[in-house]
PDB file of N, CA and C in Angstrom:
ATOM      1  N   MET A   1     113.480 144.994 203.754  1.00  0.00           N
ATOM      2  CA  MET A   1     112.175 144.857 204.358  1.00  0.00           C
ATOM      3  C   MET A   1     111.138 144.349 203.362  1.00  0.00           C
ATOM      4  N   GLU A   2     111.298 144.694 202.091  1.00  0.00           N
ATOM      5  CA  GLU A   2     110.309 144.330 201.099  1.00  0.00           C
ATOM      6  C   GLU A   2     110.271 142.832 200.837  1.00  0.00           C
ATOM      7  N   ASN A   3     111.398 142.140 200.987  1.00  0.00           N
ATOM      8  CA  ASN A   3     111.452 140.706 200.752  1.00  0.00           C
ATOM      9  C   ASN A   3     111.323 139.908 202.036  1.00  0.00           C
ATOM     10  N   GLU A   4     110.825 140.530 203.086  1.00  0.00           N
ATOM     11  CA  GLU A   4     110.703 139.856 204.366  1.00  0.00           C
ATOM     12  C   GLU A   4     109.770 138.659 204.251  1.00  0.00           C
ATOM     13  N   LYS A   5     110.219 137.544 204.820  1.00  0.00           N
ATOM     14  CA  LYS A   5     109.453 136.308 204.763  1.00  0.00           C
ATOM     15  C   LYS A   5     108.522 136.201 205.956  1.00  0.00           C
ATOM     16  N   SER A   6     107.511 135.391 205.789  1.00  0.00           N
ATOM     17  CA  SER A   6     106.592 135.060 206.865  1.00  0.00           C
ATOM     18  C   SER A   6     106.526 133.543 206.950  1.00  0.00           C
ATOM     19  N   ASP A   7     106.789 133.019 208.137  1.00  0.00           N
ATOM     20  CA  ASP A   7     106.717 131.573 208.344  1.00  0.00           C
ATOM     21  C   ASP A   7     105.575 131.261 209.296  1.00  0.00           C
ATOM     22  N   LEU A   8     104.988 130.104 209.092  1.00  0.00           N
ATOM     23  CA  LEU A   8     103.845 129.681 209.877  1.00  0.00           C
ATOM     24  C   LEU A   8     104.078 128.246 210.323  1.00  0.00           C
ATOM     25  N   THR A   9     103.949 127.983 211.634  1.00  0.00           N
ATOM     26  CA  THR A   9     104.100 126.630 212.160  1.00  0.00           C
ATOM     27  C   THR A   9     102.879 126.302 212.995  1.00  0.00           C
ATOM     28  N   LEU A  10     102.179 125.235 212.618  1.00  0.00           N
ATOM     29  CA  LEU A  10     100.981 124.801 213.335  1.00  0.00           C
ATOM     30  C   LEU A  10     101.272 123.446 213.963  1.00  0.00           C
ATOM     31  N   LEU A  11     101.125 123.371 215.295  1.00  0.00           N
ATOM     32  CA  LEU A  11     101.374 122.133 216.027  1.00  0.00           C
ATOM     33  C   LEU A  11     100.063 121.583 216.582  1.00  0.00           C
ATOM     34  N   ASN A  12      99.685 120.394 216.140  1.00  0.00           N
ATOM     35  CA  ASN A  12      98.486 119.704 216.632  1.00  0.00           C
ATOM     36  C   ASN A  12      97.221 120.556 216.589  1.00  0.00           C
ATOM     37  N   ARG A  13      97.153 121.467 215.660  1.00  0.00           N
ATOM     38  CA  ARG A  13      95.988 122.355 215.469  1.00  0.00           C
ATOM     39  C   ARG A  13      95.673 123.219 216.679  1.00  0.00           C
ATOM     40  N   ASN A  14      96.571 123.277 217.697  1.00  0.00           N
ATOM     41  CA  ASN A  14      96.256 124.108 218.849  1.00  0.00           C
ATOM     42  C   ASN A  14      97.374 125.058 219.267  1.00  0.00           C
ATOM     43  N   GLN A  15      98.469 125.072 218.553  1.00  0.00           N
ATOM     44  CA  GLN A  15      99.551 126.029 218.811  1.00  0.00           C
ATOM     45  C   GLN A  15     100.070 126.530 217.471  1.00  0.00           C
ATOM     46  N   LEU A  16      99.924 127.836 217.236  1.00  0.00           N
ATOM     47  CA  LEU A  16     100.314 128.437 215.968  1.00  0.00           C
ATOM     48  C   LEU A  16     101.377 129.497 216.221  1.00  0.00           C
ATOM     49  N   ASN A  17     102.509 129.385 215.541  1.00  0.00           N
ATOM     50  CA  ASN A  17     103.585 130.357 215.634  1.00  0.00           C
ATOM     51  C   ASN A  17     103.788 130.985 214.263  1.00  0.00           C
ATOM     52  N   ILE A  18     103.826 132.311 214.220  1.00  0.00           N
ATOM     53  CA  ILE A  18     103.923 133.040 212.963  1.00  0.00           C
ATOM     54  C   ILE A  18     105.025 134.072 213.074  1.00  0.00           C
ATOM     55  N   THR A  19     105.813 134.217 212.007  1.00  0.00           N
ATOM     56  CA  THR A  19     106.823 135.276 211.929  1.00  0.00           C
ATOM     57  C   THR A  19     106.454 136.195 210.772  1.00  0.00           C
ATOM     58  N   GLY A  20     107.027 137.380 210.754  1.00  0.00           N
ATOM     59  CA  GLY A  20     106.764 138.331 209.683  1.00  0.00           C
ATOM     60  C   GLY A  20     105.499 139.134 209.891  1.00  0.00           C
ATOM     61  N   VAL A  21     104.999 139.196 211.126  1.00  0.00           N
ATOM     62  CA  VAL A  21     103.763 139.921 211.425  1.00  0.00           C
ATOM     63  C   VAL A  21     104.079 141.400 211.607  1.00  0.00           C
ATOM     64  N   LYS A  22     103.311 142.244 210.933  1.00  0.00           N
ATOM     65  CA  LYS A  22     103.466 143.700 211.039  1.00  0.00           C
ATOM     66  C   LYS A  22     102.526 144.291 212.082  1.00  0.00           C
ATOM     67  N   LYS A  23     101.313 143.682 212.211  1.00  0.00           N
ATOM     68  CA  LYS A  23     100.310 144.258 213.097  1.00  0.00           C
ATOM     69  C   LYS A  23      99.258 143.206 213.434  1.00  0.00           C
ATOM     70  N   ILE A  24      98.728 143.257 214.647  1.00  0.00           N
ATOM     71  CA  ILE A  24      97.572 142.452 215.012  1.00  0.00           C
ATOM     72  C   ILE A  24      96.361 143.348 214.813  1.00  0.00           C
ATOM     73  N   LYS A  25      95.578 143.062 213.790  1.00  0.00           N
ATOM     74  CA  LYS A  25      94.441 143.920 213.453  1.00  0.00           C
ATOM     75  C   LYS A  25      93.271 143.691 214.393  1.00  0.00           C
ATOM     76  N   SER A  26      92.975 142.426 214.711  1.00  0.00           N
ATOM     77  CA  SER A  26      91.891 142.125 215.644  1.00  0.00           C
ATOM     78  C   SER A  26      92.139 140.775 216.291  1.00  0.00           C
ATOM     79  N   SER A  27      91.550 140.630 217.482  1.00  0.00           N
ATOM     80  CA  SER A  27      91.708 139.382 218.219  1.00  0.00           C
ATOM     81  C   SER A  27      90.418 139.089 218.973  1.00  0.00           C
ATOM     82  N   ALA A  28      89.814 137.959 218.655  1.00  0.00           N
ATOM     83  CA  ALA A  28      88.599 137.489 219.319  1.00  0.00           C
ATOM     84  C   ALA A  28      88.715 135.972 219.455  1.00  0.00           C
ATOM     85  N   PRO A  29      87.958 135.362 220.361  1.00  0.00           N
ATOM     86  CA  PRO A  29      88.062 133.906 220.550  1.00  0.00           C
ATOM     87  C   PRO A  29      87.764 133.080 219.303  1.00  0.00           C
ATOM     88  N   GLU A  30      87.002 133.634 218.343  1.00  0.00           N
ATOM     89  CA  GLU A  30      86.656 132.886 217.131  1.00  0.00           C
ATOM     90  C   GLU A  30      87.520 133.262 215.932  1.00  0.00           C
ATOM     91  N   GLN A  31      88.201 134.432 216.001  1.00  0.00           N
ATOM     92  CA  GLN A  31      88.964 134.881 214.830  1.00  0.00           C
ATOM     93  C   GLN A  31      90.040 135.890 215.223  1.00  0.00           C
ATOM     94  N   ILE A  32      91.219 135.696 214.659  1.00  0.00           N
ATOM     95  CA  ILE A  32      92.326 136.636 214.834  1.00  0.00           C
ATOM     96  C   ILE A  32      92.783 137.054 213.447  1.00  0.00           C
ATOM     97  N   VAL A  33      92.985 138.354 213.256  1.00  0.00           N
ATOM     98  CA  VAL A  33      93.436 138.869 211.964  1.00  0.00           C
ATOM     99  C   VAL A  33      94.793 139.524 212.156  1.00  0.00           C
ATOM    100  N   LEU A  34      95.775 139.045 211.387  1.00  0.00           N
ATOM    101  CA  LEU A  34      97.134 139.565 211.430  1.00  0.00           C
ATOM    102  C   LEU A  34      97.482 140.202 210.093  1.00  0.00           C
ATOM    103  N   ILE A  35      98.218 141.294 210.131  1.00  0.00           N
ATOM    104  CA  ILE A  35      98.705 141.929 208.910  1.00  0.00           C
ATOM    105  C   ILE A  35     100.156 141.498 208.718  1.00  0.00           C
ATOM    106  N   LEU A  36     100.424 140.895 207.562  1.00  0.00           N
ATOM    107  CA  LEU A  36     101.776 140.470 207.213  1.00  0.00           C
ATOM    108  C   LEU A  36     102.356 141.488 206.239  1.00  0.00           C
ATOM    109  N   GLN A  37     103.394 141.138 205.510  1.00  0.00           N
ATOM    110  CA  GLN A  37     104.057 142.078 204.612  1.00  0.00           C
ATOM    111  C   GLN A  37     103.099 142.703 203.599  1.00  0.00           C
ATOM    112  N   ASN A  38     102.344 141.895 202.875  1.00  0.00           N
ATOM    113  CA  ASN A  38     101.445 142.456 201.858  1.00  0.00           C
ATOM    114  C   ASN A  38     100.092 141.765 201.804  1.00  0.00           C
ATOM    115  N   VAL A  39      99.741 141.023 202.852  1.00  0.00           N
ATOM    116  CA  VAL A  39      98.445 140.357 202.941  1.00  0.00           C
ATOM    117  C   VAL A  39      97.974 140.322 204.395  1.00  0.00           C
ATOM    118  N   ALA A  40      96.708 140.015 204.554  1.00  0.00           N
ATOM    119  CA  ALA A  40      96.167 139.772 205.889  1.00  0.00           C
ATOM    120  C   ALA A  40      96.004 138.261 206.053  1.00  0.00           C
ATOM    121  N   LEU A  41      96.280 137.776 207.259  1.00  0.00           N
ATOM    122  CA  LEU A  41      96.086 136.368 207.579  1.00  0.00           C
ATOM    123  C   LEU A  41      94.943 136.278 208.572  1.00  0.00           C
ATOM    124  N   VAL A  42      93.870 135.589 208.185  1.00  0.00           N
ATOM    125  CA  VAL A  42      92.704 135.417 209.046  1.00  0.00           C
ATOM    126  C   VAL A  42      92.759 134.006 209.618  1.00  0.00           C
ATOM    127  N   ILE A  43      92.792 133.921 210.938  1.00  0.00           N
ATOM    128  CA  ILE A  43      92.844 132.643 211.636  1.00  0.00           C
ATOM    129  C   ILE A  43      91.493 132.438 212.299  1.00  0.00           C
ATOM    130  N   SER A  44      90.794 131.369 211.930  1.00  0.00           N
ATOM    131  CA  SER A  44      89.486 131.060 212.505  1.00  0.00           C
ATOM    132  C   SER A  44      89.602 129.820 213.371  1.00  0.00           C
ATOM    133  N   GLY A  45      88.822 129.808 214.465  1.00  0.00           N
ATOM    134  CA  GLY A  45      88.870 128.654 215.339  1.00  0.00           C
ATOM    135  C   GLY A  45      88.011 128.819 216.575  1.00  0.00           C
ATOM    136  N   VAL A  46      88.377 128.100 217.633  1.00  0.00           N
ATOM    137  CA  VAL A  46      87.646 128.092 218.895  1.00  0.00           C
ATOM    138  C   VAL A  46      88.627 128.397 220.024  1.00  0.00           C
ATOM    139  N   ASN A  47      88.230 129.298 220.919  1.00  0.00           N
ATOM    140  CA  ASN A  47      89.052 129.674 222.080  1.00  0.00           C
ATOM    141  C   ASN A  47      90.447 130.148 221.680  1.00  0.00           C
ATOM    142  N   LEU A  48      90.538 130.937 220.623  1.00  0.00           N
ATOM    143  CA  LEU A  48      91.822 131.464 220.165  1.00  0.00           C
ATOM    144  C   LEU A  48      92.243 132.637 221.047  1.00  0.00           C
ATOM    145  N   PHE A  49      93.518 132.684 221.367  1.00  0.00           N
ATOM    146  CA  PHE A  49      94.052 133.852 222.054  1.00  0.00           C
ATOM    147  C   PHE A  49      95.534 133.988 221.756  1.00  0.00           C
ATOM    148  N   VAL A  50      95.998 135.226 221.788  1.00  0.00           N
ATOM    149  CA  VAL A  50      97.405 135.526 221.535  1.00  0.00           C
ATOM    150  C   VAL A  50      98.177 135.266 222.822  1.00  0.00           C
ATOM    151  N   VAL A  51      99.075 134.283 222.775  1.00  0.00           N
ATOM    152  CA  VAL A  51      99.892 133.934 223.939  1.00  0.00           C
ATOM    153  C   VAL A  51     101.017 134.934 224.105  1.00  0.00           C
ATOM    154  N   SER A  52     101.684 135.245 223.002  1.00  0.00           N
ATOM    155  CA  SER A  52     102.764 136.233 223.036  1.00  0.00           C
ATOM    156  C   SER A  52     102.849 136.915 221.676  1.00  0.00           C
ATOM    157  N   ALA A  53     103.319 138.158 221.703  1.00  0.00           N
ATOM    158  CA  ALA A  53     103.459 138.916 220.465  1.00  0.00           C
ATOM    159  C   ALA A  53     104.586 139.914 220.620  1.00  0.00           C
ATOM    160  N   SER A  54     105.406 140.015 219.598  1.00  0.00           N
ATOM    161  CA  SER A  54     106.465 141.012 219.535  1.00  0.00           C
ATOM    162  C   SER A  54     106.464 141.587 218.128  1.00  0.00           C
ATOM    163  N   ILE A  55     105.908 142.770 217.997  1.00  0.00           N
ATOM    164  CA  ILE A  55     105.858 143.395 216.684  1.00  0.00           C
ATOM    165  C   ILE A  55     107.263 143.834 216.263  1.00  0.00           C
ATOM    166  N   GLN A  56     108.151 144.087 217.236  1.00  0.00           N
ATOM    167  CA  GLN A  56     109.537 144.446 216.901  1.00  0.00           C
ATOM    168  C   GLN A  56     110.231 143.311 216.149  1.00  0.00           C
ATOM    169  N   THR A  57     110.005 142.070 216.579  1.00  0.00           N
ATOM    170  CA  THR A  57     110.612 140.925 215.894  1.00  0.00           C
ATOM    171  C   THR A  57     109.654 140.300 214.881  1.00  0.00           C
ATOM    172  N   GLY A  58     108.357 140.673 214.943  1.00  0.00           N
ATOM    173  CA  GLY A  58     107.372 140.126 214.009  1.00  0.00           C
ATOM    174  C   GLY A  58     106.894 138.745 214.370  1.00  0.00           C
ATOM    175  N   GLU A  59     107.084 138.322 215.621  1.00  0.00           N
ATOM    176  CA  GLU A  59     106.696 136.977 216.041  1.00  0.00           C
ATOM    177  C   GLU A  59     105.428 137.017 216.876  1.00  0.00           C
ATOM    178  N   VAL A  60     104.488 136.123 216.543  1.00  0.00           N
ATOM    179  CA  VAL A  60     103.230 136.004 217.280  1.00  0.00           C
ATOM    180  C   VAL A  60     102.977 134.527 217.535  1.00  0.00           C
ATOM    181  N   SER A  61     102.534 134.221 218.749  1.00  0.00           N
ATOM    182  CA  SER A  61     102.186 132.855 219.127  1.00  0.00           C
ATOM    183  C   SER A  61     100.718 132.835 219.542  1.00  0.00           C
ATOM    184  N   ILE A  62      99.961 131.905 218.981  1.00  0.00           N
ATOM    185  CA  ILE A  62      98.525 131.809 219.217  1.00  0.00           C
ATOM    186  C   ILE A  62      98.186 130.412 219.711  1.00  0.00           C
ATOM    187  N   SER A  63      97.271 130.355 220.686  1.00  0.00           N
ATOM    188  CA  SER A  63      96.818 129.080 221.218  1.00  0.00           C
ATOM    189  C   SER A  63      95.316 128.971 221.025  1.00  0.00           C
ATOM    190  N   GLY A  64      94.801 127.750 220.972  1.00  0.00           N
ATOM    191  CA  GLY A  64      93.383 127.480 220.758  1.00  0.00           C
ATOM    192  C   GLY A  64      93.224 126.541 219.583  1.00  0.00           C
ATOM    193  N   LEU A  65      92.020 126.078 219.350  1.00  0.00           N
ATOM    194  CA  LEU A  65      91.768 125.149 218.248  1.00  0.00           C
ATOM    195  C   LEU A  65      91.680 125.915 216.931  1.00  0.00           C
ATOM    196  N   VAL A  66      92.655 125.700 216.049  1.00  0.00           N
ATOM    197  CA  VAL A  66      92.695 126.367 214.746  1.00  0.00           C
ATOM    198  C   VAL A  66      91.881 125.541 213.761  1.00  0.00           C
ATOM    199  N   LYS A  67      90.861 126.167 213.172  1.00  0.00           N
ATOM    200  CA  LYS A  67      90.012 125.478 212.201  1.00  0.00           C
ATOM    201  C   LYS A  67      90.329 125.882 210.768  1.00  0.00           C
ATOM    202  N   ALA A  68      90.781 127.135 210.565  1.00  0.00           N
ATOM    203  CA  ALA A  68      91.055 127.592 209.203  1.00  0.00           C
ATOM    204  C   ALA A  68      92.070 128.719 209.219  1.00  0.00           C
ATOM    205  N   LEU A  69      92.897 128.737 208.176  1.00  0.00           N
ATOM    206  CA  LEU A  69      93.854 129.815 207.919  1.00  0.00           C
ATOM    207  C   LEU A  69      93.559 130.335 206.522  1.00  0.00           C
ATOM    208  N   ARG A  70      93.415 131.653 206.398  1.00  0.00           N
ATOM    209  CA  ARG A  70      93.064 132.211 205.090  1.00  0.00           C
ATOM    210  C   ARG A  70      93.825 133.510 204.876  1.00  0.00           C
ATOM    211  N   TYR A  71      94.482 133.606 203.739  1.00  0.00           N
ATOM    212  CA  TYR A  71      95.148 134.848 203.343  1.00  0.00           C
ATOM    213  C   TYR A  71      94.164 135.668 202.525  1.00  0.00           C
ATOM    214  N   THR A  72      94.065 136.972 202.837  1.00  0.00           N
ATOM    215  CA  THR A  72      93.147 137.830 202.105  1.00  0.00           C
ATOM    216  C   THR A  72      93.828 139.133 201.739  1.00  0.00           C
ATOM    217  N   GLY A  73      93.368 139.702 200.642  1.00  0.00           N
ATOM    218  CA  GLY A  73      93.818 141.035 200.248  1.00  0.00           C
ATOM    219  C   GLY A  73      95.269 141.110 199.850  1.00  0.00           C
ATOM    220  N   VAL A  74      95.573 142.164 199.138  1.00  0.00           N
ATOM    221  CA  VAL A  74      96.934 142.458 198.711  1.00  0.00           C
ATOM    222  C   VAL A  74      97.173 143.926 198.985  1.00  0.00           C
ATOM    223  N   ALA A  75      98.316 144.256 199.523  1.00  0.00           N
ATOM    224  CA  ALA A  75      98.621 145.646 199.867  1.00  0.00           C
ATOM    225  C   ALA A  75      99.031 146.464 198.651  1.00  0.00           C
ATOM    226  N   ASP A  76      99.086 145.819 197.484  1.00  0.00           N
ATOM    227  CA  ASP A  76      99.452 146.539 196.267  1.00  0.00           C
ATOM    228  C   ASP A  76      98.459 147.659 196.019  1.00  0.00           C
ATOM    229  N   LYS A  77      98.944 148.851 195.778  1.00  0.00           N
ATOM    230  CA  LYS A  77      98.086 150.024 195.613  1.00  0.00           C
ATOM    231  C   LYS A  77      97.313 149.996 194.303  1.00  0.00           C
ATOM    232  N   ARG A  78      97.781 149.240 193.324  1.00  0.00           N
ATOM    233  CA  ARG A  78      97.067 149.155 192.056  1.00  0.00           C
ATOM    234  C   ARG A  78      95.797 148.341 192.246  1.00  0.00           C
ATOM    235  N   LYS A  79      94.720 148.802 191.654  1.00  0.00           N
ATOM    236  CA  LYS A  79      93.441 148.101 191.748  1.00  0.00           C
ATOM    237  C   LYS A  79      93.304 147.138 190.581  1.00  0.00           C
ATOM    238  N   PHE A  80      92.815 145.937 190.869  1.00  0.00           N
ATOM    239  CA  PHE A  80      92.551 144.950 189.838  1.00  0.00           C
ATOM    240  C   PHE A  80      91.249 145.312 189.139  1.00  0.00           C
ATOM    241  N   SER A  81      91.247 145.208 187.838  1.00  0.00           N
ATOM    242  CA  SER A  81      90.035 145.512 187.089  1.00  0.00           C
ATOM    243  C   SER A  81      89.981 144.654 185.836  1.00  0.00           C
ATOM    244  N   PHE A  82      88.793 144.112 185.537  1.00  0.00           N
ATOM    245  CA  PHE A  82      88.632 143.363 184.302  1.00  0.00           C
ATOM    246  C   PHE A  82      88.800 144.274 183.090  1.00  0.00           C
ATOM    247  N   LYS A  83      88.538 145.542 183.276  1.00  0.00           N
ATOM    248  CA  LYS A  83      88.704 146.517 182.187  1.00  0.00           C
ATOM    249  C   LYS A  83      90.150 146.530 181.702  1.00  0.00           C
ATOM    250  N   ASN A  84      91.105 146.360 182.617  1.00  0.00           N
ATOM    251  CA  ASN A  84      92.510 146.347 182.234  1.00  0.00           C
ATOM    252  C   ASN A  84      92.887 145.095 181.440  1.00  0.00           C
ATOM    253  N   ILE A  85      92.168 144.003 181.664  1.00  0.00           N
ATOM    254  CA  ILE A  85      92.452 142.757 180.949  1.00  0.00           C
ATOM    255  C   ILE A  85      91.891 142.802 179.539  1.00  0.00           C
ATOM    256  N   PHE A  86      90.679 143.299 179.395  1.00  0.00           N
ATOM    257  CA  PHE A  86      89.972 143.268 178.126  1.00  0.00           C
ATOM    258  C   PHE A  86      90.023 144.616 177.402  1.00  0.00           C
ATOM    259  N   ARG A  87      91.197 145.112 177.149  1.00  0.00           N
ATOM    260  CA  ARG A  87      91.347 146.386 176.416  1.00  0.00           C
ATOM    261  C   ARG A  87      91.275 146.159 174.950  1.00  0.00           C
TER     262      ARG A  87
END
C-alpha cells in the first residue's frame, strides 16, 4: 500500500481520470480536492463535478473545464523546519 501509484489522465481539458485516490475531501464547481497516498491534489476549473468515484478501487472521474492541477502538502508526520537545516 505504501508504494501505491497515482495516475492522472486529462483529455481535452474537460475529462480527468485519476487513480490512487484515498478520499474526496471536497467538491465544488470551481474546485475539487482529492487525498492521494501522501499528498492532496487540488483541481481548479469551471463547472467541475465528480462523474464517478470508487474509493475501493481508488478511481475518480471528473468532468468540467480543468484550469489547474496542484499538489499540496505531504502526509509525512515530520515537520519541516529551517532550524533543522541550520544546526
